[in-house]
Amino acid sequence: MNDPSRYITKQNPGDKLWYVCGFVGCNNNKSLWMPVSEGHKNKSEADKTAAYAMVADRAAKNEVSAL
């Protein structure tokens, strides 16, 4: 669960849009997440964005490790 490349999708009850949230750390054994996307009208769109974010993270890590 504490994987920094992990993303989840959650619906905001205020605007009913779906957001991709990225893991940012823990505080008192509670996972902290921050929105990293624009709002999506449905969960499947947000899930696709989360998948793209994970691919981008892996590519960025590979690029940095090559330095």
Protein backbone atom coordinates (compact mmCIF):
# COMPACT_ATOMS: atom_id res chain seq x y z
CA MET A 1 0.00 0.00 0.00
CA ASN A 2 2.90 2.38 0.61
CA ASP A 3 4.11 2.20 -2.98
CA PRO A 4 4.79 5.75 -4.22
CA SER A 5 3.86 4.77 -7.78
CA ARG A 6 0.40 3.71 -6.67
CA TYR A 7 -2.72 5.47 -7.87
CA ILE A 8 -6.38 5.09 -6.96
CA THR A 9 -9.59 6.56 -8.35
CA LYS A 10 -12.13 8.23 -6.08
CA GLN A 11 -15.35 10.12 -6.67
CA ASN A 12 -15.68 13.58 -5.17
CA PRO A 13 -19.09 13.74 -3.48
CA GLY A 14 -19.22 17.50 -4.05
CA ASP A 15 -19.00 17.60 -7.84
CA LYS A 16 -19.64 13.88 -8.57
CA LEU A 17 -16.52 13.71 -10.77
CA TRP A 18 -13.90 10.95 -10.61
CA TYR A 19 -10.29 11.85 -9.80
CA VAL A 20 -7.00 9.96 -9.92
CA CYS A 21 -5.22 10.25 -6.57
CA GLY A 22 -1.56 9.51 -6.06
CA PHE A 23 -0.01 8.20 -2.86
CA VAL A 24 1.98 10.92 -1.05
CA GLY A 25 2.89 9.27 2.25
CA CYS A 26 1.61 8.24 5.65
CA ASN A 27 0.73 10.13 8.79
CA ASN A 28 -0.01 8.21 11.99
CA ASN A 29 -0.47 4.97 9.99
CA LYS A 30 -3.01 6.65 7.70
CA SER A 31 -2.32 6.71 3.96
CA LEU A 32 -2.39 10.16 2.39
CA TRP A 33 -3.52 10.69 -1.21
CA MET A 34 -3.53 13.79 -3.41
CA PRO A 35 -5.55 14.38 -6.61
CA VAL A 36 -3.30 14.31 -9.66
CA SER A 37 -5.85 14.62 -12.47
CA GLU A 38 -8.71 16.70 -13.72
CA GLY A 39 -12.17 15.39 -12.89
CA HIS A 40 -13.59 12.66 -15.13
CA LYS A 41 -17.29 12.02 -15.77
CA ASN A 42 -16.99 8.29 -15.17
CA LYS A 43 -14.77 5.81 -13.35
CA SER A 44 -13.51 4.06 -16.49
CA GLU A 45 -11.99 7.33 -17.80
CA ALA A 46 -10.29 7.90 -14.44
CA ASP A 47 -9.00 4.30 -14.40
CA LYS A 48 -7.41 4.84 -17.84
CA THR A 49 -5.71 8.01 -16.59
CA ALA A 50 -4.41 6.12 -13.54
CA ALA A 51 -2.97 3.42 -15.82
CA TYR A 52 -1.23 6.06 -17.96
CA ALA A 53 0.17 7.70 -14.81
CA MET A 54 1.71 4.40 -13.69
CA VAL A 55 3.32 3.90 -17.12
CA ALA A 56 4.67 7.47 -17.04
CA ASP A 57 6.10 6.89 -13.54
CA ARG A 58 7.92 3.76 -14.67
CA ALA A 59 9.33 5.55 -17.70
CA ALA A 60 10.50 8.47 -15.55
CA LYS A 61 12.18 6.13 -13.06
CA ASN A 62 14.00 4.34 -15.88
CA GLU A 63 15.13 7.67 -17.33
CA VAL A 64 16.46 8.89 -13.97
CA SER A 65 18.22 5.60 -13.22
CA ALA A 66 20.06 5.90 -16.56
CA LEU A 67 21.75 9.15 -15.44
